[in-house]
């Protein structure tokens, strides 16, 4: 029986990089997520988060296969000036809130998201506070 990474390589031709991370092109993330869920049984999306490396942003996804207890972590890399990725909400319903949080704190837009708006900060809040370019001395107006 082929391993998950072998099946991914057979289907898409991708392998983890030298650091051990599997990078998925953003234009193929929806197709990849469907393959994981429908073919490989990764039916549970644990989380989506983001890491800002200043010159690029890495979206980090963790999915789980409840039957085999296997986990798979993969990344999608975007640039700060073109931080738009297709939404996974049609494949994983639980992606809705995770994508809203990443949008709110990092400014990554999820194309096709049914309700992309802030989830933690008020609507009138300016900027995305977990971005490296966010000014550290930005005022924090009261919002309660």
N, C-alpha and C. Protein backbone atom coordinates (compact mmCIF):
# COMPACT_ATOMS: atom_id res chain seq x y z
N UNK A 1 0.86 -1.19 0.00
CA UNK A 1 0.00 0.00 0.00
C UNK A 1 0.89 1.25 0.00
N UNK A 2 0.62 2.15 -0.91
CA UNK A 2 1.41 3.38 -1.02
C UNK A 2 1.11 4.32 0.14
N UNK A 3 2.12 5.05 0.56
CA UNK A 3 1.94 6.02 1.63
C UNK A 3 1.21 7.25 1.08
N UNK A 4 0.76 8.09 1.99
CA UNK A 4 0.08 9.33 1.58
C UNK A 4 0.97 10.18 0.69
N UNK A 5 2.23 10.37 1.08
CA UNK A 5 3.13 11.20 0.28
C UNK A 5 3.41 10.57 -1.08
N UNK A 6 3.47 9.25 -1.17
CA UNK A 6 3.65 8.58 -2.46
C UNK A 6 2.43 8.79 -3.34
N UNK A 7 1.25 8.72 -2.76
CA UNK A 7 0.02 8.93 -3.54
C UNK A 7 -0.09 10.37 -4.03
N UNK A 8 0.35 11.32 -3.18
CA UNK A 8 0.36 12.73 -3.59
C UNK A 8 1.35 12.93 -4.74
N UNK A 9 2.52 12.31 -4.63
CA UNK A 9 3.51 12.42 -5.71
C UNK A 9 2.99 11.82 -7.00
N UNK A 10 2.32 10.66 -6.91
CA UNK A 10 1.75 10.03 -8.10
C UNK A 10 0.69 10.90 -8.76
N UNK A 11 -0.13 11.56 -7.93
CA UNK A 11 -1.24 12.37 -8.45
C UNK A 11 -0.79 13.74 -8.95
N UNK A 12 0.10 14.40 -8.18
CA UNK A 12 0.46 15.79 -8.48
C UNK A 12 1.92 16.00 -8.86
N UNK A 13 2.77 15.04 -8.52
CA UNK A 13 4.20 15.20 -8.80
C UNK A 13 4.95 15.99 -7.76
N UNK A 14 4.34 16.24 -6.62
CA UNK A 14 4.97 17.05 -5.58
C UNK A 14 5.59 16.17 -4.50
N UNK A 15 6.68 16.67 -3.95
CA UNK A 15 7.34 16.03 -2.82
C UNK A 15 7.66 17.12 -1.80
N UNK A 16 7.83 16.73 -0.54
CA UNK A 16 8.26 17.72 0.45
C UNK A 16 9.62 18.31 0.06
N UNK A 17 9.83 19.56 0.43
CA UNK A 17 11.12 20.19 0.14
C UNK A 17 12.17 19.70 1.14
N UNK A 18 13.37 20.28 1.08
CA UNK A 18 14.46 19.84 1.94
C UNK A 18 14.18 20.05 3.43
N UNK A 19 13.26 20.96 3.76
CA UNK A 19 12.90 21.17 5.16
C UNK A 19 11.79 20.22 5.62
N UNK A 20 11.24 19.46 4.68
CA UNK A 20 10.20 18.49 5.02
C UNK A 20 8.79 18.98 4.80
N UNK A 21 8.62 20.20 4.28
CA UNK A 21 7.29 20.76 4.06
C UNK A 21 6.82 20.51 2.64
N UNK A 22 5.54 20.22 2.53
CA UNK A 22 4.91 20.04 1.24
C UNK A 22 4.28 21.37 0.84
N UNK A 23 4.77 21.99 -0.24
CA UNK A 23 4.24 23.25 -0.72
C UNK A 23 3.31 23.00 -1.89
N UNK A 24 2.13 23.60 -1.81
CA UNK A 24 1.09 23.43 -2.82
C UNK A 24 0.93 24.77 -3.55
N UNK A 25 0.96 24.79 -4.87
CA UNK A 25 0.70 26.04 -5.59
C UNK A 25 -0.71 26.54 -5.28
N UNK A 26 -0.83 27.85 -5.08
CA UNK A 26 -2.13 28.39 -4.65
C UNK A 26 -3.25 28.12 -5.65
N UNK A 27 -2.92 28.05 -6.93
CA UNK A 27 -3.96 27.79 -7.92
C UNK A 27 -4.41 26.33 -7.95
N UNK A 28 -3.76 25.46 -7.16
CA UNK A 28 -4.14 24.05 -7.11
C UNK A 28 -4.61 23.62 -5.72
N UNK A 29 -4.72 24.55 -4.80
CA UNK A 29 -5.04 24.18 -3.42
C UNK A 29 -6.45 23.59 -3.30
N UNK A 30 -7.41 24.06 -4.06
CA UNK A 30 -8.77 23.50 -3.97
C UNK A 30 -8.79 22.08 -4.51
N UNK A 31 -8.18 21.85 -5.66
CA UNK A 31 -8.10 20.50 -6.23
C UNK A 31 -7.37 19.56 -5.27
N UNK A 32 -6.28 20.04 -4.67
CA UNK A 32 -5.52 19.23 -3.72
C UNK A 32 -6.36 18.89 -2.49
N UNK A 33 -7.08 19.87 -1.95
CA UNK A 33 -7.92 19.63 -0.77
C UNK A 33 -9.01 18.60 -1.08
N UNK A 34 -9.61 18.69 -2.25
CA UNK A 34 -10.63 17.70 -2.63
C UNK A 34 -10.03 16.30 -2.73
N UNK A 35 -8.84 16.20 -3.30
CA UNK A 35 -8.15 14.92 -3.40
C UNK A 35 -7.89 14.36 -2.00
N UNK A 36 -7.40 15.21 -1.11
CA UNK A 36 -7.13 14.75 0.26
C UNK A 36 -8.39 14.24 0.93
N UNK A 37 -9.47 14.97 0.78
CA UNK A 37 -10.71 14.60 1.47
C UNK A 37 -11.39 13.40 0.81
N UNK A 38 -11.59 13.47 -0.49
CA UNK A 38 -12.40 12.46 -1.18
C UNK A 38 -11.64 11.17 -1.49
N UNK A 39 -10.35 11.27 -1.75
CA UNK A 39 -9.58 10.09 -2.14
C UNK A 39 -8.79 9.50 -0.97
N UNK A 40 -8.18 10.37 -0.16
CA UNK A 40 -7.30 9.88 0.89
C UNK A 40 -7.95 9.87 2.28
N UNK A 41 -9.16 10.40 2.41
CA UNK A 41 -9.88 10.33 3.68
C UNK A 41 -9.52 11.39 4.70
N UNK A 42 -8.83 12.44 4.30
CA UNK A 42 -8.50 13.54 5.23
C UNK A 42 -9.72 14.46 5.32
N UNK A 43 -10.68 14.05 6.10
CA UNK A 43 -11.97 14.72 6.15
C UNK A 43 -12.08 15.81 7.20
N UNK A 44 -11.04 15.99 8.00
CA UNK A 44 -11.09 16.98 9.08
C UNK A 44 -9.99 18.01 8.91
N UNK A 45 -10.38 19.26 8.78
CA UNK A 45 -9.43 20.37 8.73
C UNK A 45 -9.20 20.85 10.15
N UNK A 46 -8.00 20.65 10.68
CA UNK A 46 -7.70 21.06 12.05
C UNK A 46 -7.51 22.56 12.18
N UNK A 47 -6.70 23.12 11.28
CA UNK A 47 -6.50 24.56 11.33
C UNK A 47 -5.87 25.09 10.05
N UNK A 48 -6.01 26.40 9.91
CA UNK A 48 -5.28 27.16 8.90
C UNK A 48 -4.66 28.33 9.67
N UNK A 49 -3.40 28.55 9.47
CA UNK A 49 -2.76 29.71 10.07
C UNK A 49 -1.80 30.30 9.05
N UNK A 50 -1.06 31.31 9.45
CA UNK A 50 -0.17 32.00 8.53
C UNK A 50 1.11 32.38 9.26
N UNK A 51 2.20 32.40 8.53
CA UNK A 51 3.49 32.84 9.05
C UNK A 51 4.02 33.90 8.10
N UNK A 52 4.38 35.05 8.64
CA UNK A 52 4.91 36.16 7.83
C UNK A 52 6.43 36.13 7.90
N UNK A 53 7.07 35.90 6.77
CA UNK A 53 8.53 35.91 6.69
C UNK A 53 9.05 37.19 6.05
N UNK A 54 8.24 38.21 6.03
CA UNK A 54 8.51 39.53 5.46
C UNK A 54 8.49 39.52 3.93
N UNK A 55 9.32 38.68 3.29
CA UNK A 55 9.33 38.63 1.83
C UNK A 55 8.23 37.73 1.26
N UNK A 56 7.67 36.86 2.09
CA UNK A 56 6.54 36.03 1.68
C UNK A 56 5.74 35.60 2.91
N UNK A 57 4.52 35.15 2.64
CA UNK A 57 3.65 34.60 3.68
C UNK A 57 3.42 33.13 3.37
N UNK A 58 3.49 32.31 4.40
CA UNK A 58 3.17 30.90 4.24
C UNK A 58 1.87 30.61 4.97
N UNK A 59 0.87 30.15 4.23
CA UNK A 59 -0.35 29.64 4.83
C UNK A 59 -0.09 28.20 5.21
N UNK A 60 -0.42 27.84 6.43
CA UNK A 60 -0.15 26.49 6.93
C UNK A 60 -1.48 25.81 7.20
N UNK A 61 -1.68 24.66 6.59
CA UNK A 61 -2.92 23.89 6.72
C UNK A 61 -2.58 22.55 7.39
N UNK A 62 -3.42 22.13 8.33
CA UNK A 62 -3.28 20.81 8.93
C UNK A 62 -4.60 20.07 8.77
N UNK A 63 -4.55 18.92 8.11
CA UNK A 63 -5.73 18.08 7.92
C UNK A 63 -5.49 16.73 8.57
N UNK A 64 -6.60 16.07 8.94
CA UNK A 64 -6.50 14.78 9.62
C UNK A 64 -7.43 13.77 8.97
N UNK A 65 -6.96 12.53 9.00
CA UNK A 65 -7.78 11.39 8.59
C UNK A 65 -8.22 10.71 9.87
N UNK A 66 -9.49 10.83 10.26
CA UNK A 66 -9.94 10.26 11.52
C UNK A 66 -9.87 8.73 11.59
N UNK A 67 -9.96 8.07 10.44
CA UNK A 67 -9.92 6.60 10.45
C UNK A 67 -8.51 6.06 10.70
N UNK A 68 -7.51 6.70 10.12
CA UNK A 68 -6.13 6.22 10.28
C UNK A 68 -5.35 7.02 11.32
N UNK A 69 -5.94 8.10 11.82
CA UNK A 69 -5.28 9.01 12.77
C UNK A 69 -4.05 9.68 12.16
N UNK A 70 -3.98 9.72 10.84
CA UNK A 70 -2.86 10.35 10.16
C UNK A 70 -3.11 11.85 10.01
N UNK A 71 -2.04 12.62 10.12
CA UNK A 71 -2.10 14.07 9.92
C UNK A 71 -1.23 14.44 8.73
N UNK A 72 -1.62 15.50 8.04
CA UNK A 72 -0.82 16.01 6.95
C UNK A 72 -0.79 17.53 7.05
N UNK A 73 0.41 18.07 7.08
CA UNK A 73 0.60 19.52 7.11
C UNK A 73 1.12 19.93 5.75
N UNK A 74 0.50 20.94 5.16
CA UNK A 74 0.99 21.47 3.89
C UNK A 74 0.91 22.99 3.92
N UNK A 75 1.67 23.61 3.02
CA UNK A 75 1.76 25.07 2.98
C UNK A 75 1.43 25.59 1.59
N UNK A 76 0.97 26.84 1.58
CA UNK A 76 0.76 27.59 0.35
C UNK A 76 1.50 28.91 0.54
N UNK A 77 2.40 29.23 -0.38
CA UNK A 77 3.20 30.45 -0.26
C UNK A 77 2.63 31.54 -1.15
N UNK A 78 2.52 32.75 -0.59
CA UNK A 78 2.06 33.92 -1.32
C UNK A 78 2.97 35.09 -1.00
N UNK A 79 2.92 36.11 -1.83
CA UNK A 79 3.68 37.32 -1.55
C UNK A 79 2.78 38.31 -0.82
N UNK A 80 3.36 39.20 -0.01
CA UNK A 80 2.53 40.16 0.73
C UNK A 80 1.69 41.06 -0.18
N UNK A 81 2.19 41.38 -1.36
CA UNK A 81 1.43 42.26 -2.25
C UNK A 81 0.42 41.51 -3.12
N UNK A 82 0.43 40.19 -3.08
CA UNK A 82 -0.56 39.38 -3.82
C UNK A 82 -1.03 38.23 -2.93
N UNK A 83 -1.54 38.61 -1.77
CA UNK A 83 -1.95 37.62 -0.77
C UNK A 83 -3.42 37.24 -0.97
N UNK A 84 -3.68 36.52 -2.06
CA UNK A 84 -5.02 36.05 -2.38
C UNK A 84 -4.91 34.55 -2.69
N UNK A 85 -5.75 33.76 -2.02
CA UNK A 85 -5.73 32.31 -2.16
C UNK A 85 -7.18 31.84 -2.30
N UNK A 86 -7.43 30.80 -3.09
CA UNK A 86 -8.79 30.27 -3.15
C UNK A 86 -9.25 29.73 -1.79
N UNK A 87 -10.51 29.94 -1.49
CA UNK A 87 -11.08 29.47 -0.23
C UNK A 87 -11.32 27.96 -0.28
N UNK A 88 -11.16 27.32 0.87
CA UNK A 88 -11.45 25.89 0.99
C UNK A 88 -12.79 25.63 1.66
N UNK A 89 -13.63 26.65 1.79
CA UNK A 89 -14.89 26.48 2.52
C UNK A 89 -15.85 25.50 1.86
N UNK A 90 -15.77 25.33 0.54
CA UNK A 90 -16.67 24.37 -0.11
C UNK A 90 -16.22 22.94 0.15
N UNK A 91 -14.94 22.74 0.38
CA UNK A 91 -14.42 21.41 0.65
C UNK A 91 -14.46 21.10 2.14
N UNK A 92 -14.02 22.05 2.94
CA UNK A 92 -14.01 21.91 4.40
C UNK A 92 -14.82 23.05 5.00
N UNK A 93 -16.00 22.74 5.49
CA UNK A 93 -16.87 23.77 6.05
C UNK A 93 -16.18 24.51 7.20
N UNK A 94 -15.37 23.81 7.96
CA UNK A 94 -14.66 24.41 9.09
C UNK A 94 -13.63 25.44 8.70
N UNK A 95 -13.31 25.55 7.42
CA UNK A 95 -12.33 26.53 6.96
C UNK A 95 -12.86 27.96 7.09
N UNK A 96 -14.17 28.11 7.18
CA UNK A 96 -14.75 29.45 7.18
C UNK A 96 -14.17 30.35 8.27
N UNK A 97 -14.15 29.90 9.49
CA UNK A 97 -13.67 30.75 10.58
C UNK A 97 -12.15 30.87 10.57
N UNK A 98 -11.45 29.81 10.19
CA UNK A 98 -9.99 29.87 10.12
C UNK A 98 -9.55 30.89 9.06
N UNK A 99 -10.21 30.89 7.92
CA UNK A 99 -9.86 31.84 6.87
C UNK A 99 -10.19 33.27 7.29
N UNK A 100 -11.28 33.45 8.00
CA UNK A 100 -11.61 34.79 8.49
C UNK A 100 -10.55 35.30 9.47
N UNK A 101 -10.06 34.41 10.31
CA UNK A 101 -9.03 34.81 11.28
C UNK A 101 -7.73 35.19 10.57
N UNK A 102 -7.31 34.40 9.59
CA UNK A 102 -6.10 34.71 8.84
C UNK A 102 -6.27 36.01 8.06
N UNK A 103 -7.45 36.22 7.52
CA UNK A 103 -7.73 37.49 6.83
C UNK A 103 -7.62 38.66 7.81
N UNK A 104 -8.24 38.53 8.96
CA UNK A 104 -8.26 39.60 9.96
C UNK A 104 -6.86 39.96 10.45
N UNK A 105 -6.06 38.97 10.77
CA UNK A 105 -4.77 39.22 11.41
C UNK A 105 -3.60 39.36 10.43
N UNK A 106 -3.71 38.76 9.24
CA UNK A 106 -2.61 38.81 8.27
C UNK A 106 -2.97 39.49 6.95
N UNK A 107 -4.25 39.69 6.68
CA UNK A 107 -4.65 40.36 5.45
C UNK A 107 -4.70 39.47 4.22
N UNK A 108 -4.63 38.16 4.39
CA UNK A 108 -4.74 37.25 3.26
C UNK A 108 -6.21 37.15 2.86
N UNK A 109 -6.50 37.40 1.60
CA UNK A 109 -7.88 37.31 1.10
C UNK A 109 -8.12 35.90 0.56
N UNK A 110 -9.28 35.36 0.87
CA UNK A 110 -9.64 34.02 0.40
C UNK A 110 -10.75 34.16 -0.64
N UNK A 111 -10.36 33.99 -1.89
CA UNK A 111 -11.27 34.14 -3.02
C UNK A 111 -12.36 33.06 -2.96
N UNK A 112 -13.62 33.48 -2.97
CA UNK A 112 -14.73 32.56 -2.92
C UNK A 112 -15.26 32.30 -1.52
N UNK A 113 -14.69 32.95 -0.54
CA UNK A 113 -15.17 32.78 0.84
C UNK A 113 -16.57 33.39 0.95
N UNK A 114 -17.51 32.70 1.61
CA UNK A 114 -18.89 33.19 1.65
C UNK A 114 -19.12 34.42 2.53
N UNK A 115 -18.22 34.71 3.46
CA UNK A 115 -18.44 35.83 4.39
C UNK A 115 -17.12 36.35 4.92
N UNK A 116 -16.24 36.80 4.03
CA UNK A 116 -14.91 37.24 4.43
C UNK A 116 -14.96 38.63 5.06
N UNK A 117 -14.95 38.65 6.36
CA UNK A 117 -14.92 39.90 7.13
C UNK A 117 -14.16 39.62 8.42
N UNK A 118 -13.84 40.68 9.11
CA UNK A 118 -13.08 40.53 10.35
C UNK A 118 -13.84 39.65 11.34
N UNK A 119 -13.07 38.93 12.16
CA UNK A 119 -13.68 38.03 13.13
C UNK A 119 -13.25 38.37 14.56
N UNK A 120 -12.06 38.97 14.72
CA UNK A 120 -11.55 39.30 16.05
C UNK A 120 -11.52 40.81 16.31
N UNK A 121 -11.23 41.56 15.29
CA UNK A 121 -11.09 43.01 15.43
C UNK A 121 -12.31 43.72 14.87
N UNK A 122 -12.57 44.94 15.33
CA UNK A 122 -13.73 45.67 14.80
C UNK A 122 -13.57 45.98 13.31
N UNK A 123 -14.70 46.12 12.64
CA UNK A 123 -14.69 46.35 11.19
C UNK A 123 -13.88 47.57 10.79
N UNK A 124 -13.87 48.60 11.61
CA UNK A 124 -13.18 49.84 11.25
C UNK A 124 -11.69 49.81 11.58
N UNK A 125 -11.20 48.73 12.15
CA UNK A 125 -9.78 48.60 12.50
C UNK A 125 -8.95 48.64 11.22
N UNK A 126 -7.87 49.39 11.24
CA UNK A 126 -7.02 49.52 10.06
C UNK A 126 -5.77 48.66 10.20
N UNK A 127 -5.49 47.89 9.18
CA UNK A 127 -4.29 47.07 9.17
C UNK A 127 -4.53 45.65 9.66
N UNK A 128 -3.44 44.92 9.67
CA UNK A 128 -3.48 43.50 10.06
C UNK A 128 -2.33 43.29 11.05
N UNK A 129 -2.63 43.19 12.34
CA UNK A 129 -1.60 43.30 13.38
C UNK A 129 -0.56 42.19 13.46
N UNK A 130 -0.70 41.08 12.78
CA UNK A 130 0.34 40.06 12.84
C UNK A 130 1.27 40.09 11.63
N UNK A 131 1.10 41.10 10.78
CA UNK A 131 2.01 41.29 9.66
C UNK A 131 3.29 41.97 10.14
N UNK A 132 4.40 41.61 9.55
CA UNK A 132 5.69 42.20 9.93
C UNK A 132 5.72 43.71 9.64
N UNK A 133 4.95 44.17 8.64
CA UNK A 133 4.95 45.59 8.30
C UNK A 133 3.96 46.41 9.14
N UNK A 134 3.28 45.78 10.09
CA UNK A 134 2.34 46.51 10.95
C UNK A 134 3.14 47.37 11.92
N UNK A 135 2.82 48.67 12.01
CA UNK A 135 3.60 49.54 12.90
C UNK A 135 3.41 49.18 14.38
N UNK A 136 4.51 49.00 15.06
CA UNK A 136 4.46 48.61 16.47
C UNK A 136 3.86 49.71 17.35
N UNK A 137 3.95 50.96 16.92
CA UNK A 137 3.42 52.06 17.72
C UNK A 137 2.02 52.49 17.28
N UNK A 138 1.31 51.63 16.55
CA UNK A 138 -0.05 51.96 16.10
C UNK A 138 -0.96 52.12 17.32
N UNK A 139 -1.80 53.15 17.30
CA UNK A 139 -2.71 53.35 18.43
C UNK A 139 -3.76 52.25 18.50
N UNK A 140 -4.16 51.94 19.68
CA UNK A 140 -5.19 50.92 19.90
C UNK A 140 -6.43 51.59 20.44
N UNK A 141 -7.32 52.05 19.55
CA UNK A 141 -8.54 52.70 20.05
C UNK A 141 -9.42 51.68 20.77
N UNK A 142 -10.10 52.14 21.81
CA UNK A 142 -11.01 51.20 22.51
C UNK A 142 -12.11 50.74 21.59
N UNK A 143 -12.48 49.50 21.69
CA UNK A 143 -13.54 48.96 20.82
C UNK A 143 -14.60 48.24 21.62
N UNK A 144 -14.63 48.42 22.90
CA UNK A 144 -15.69 47.79 23.70
C UNK A 144 -16.64 48.84 24.21
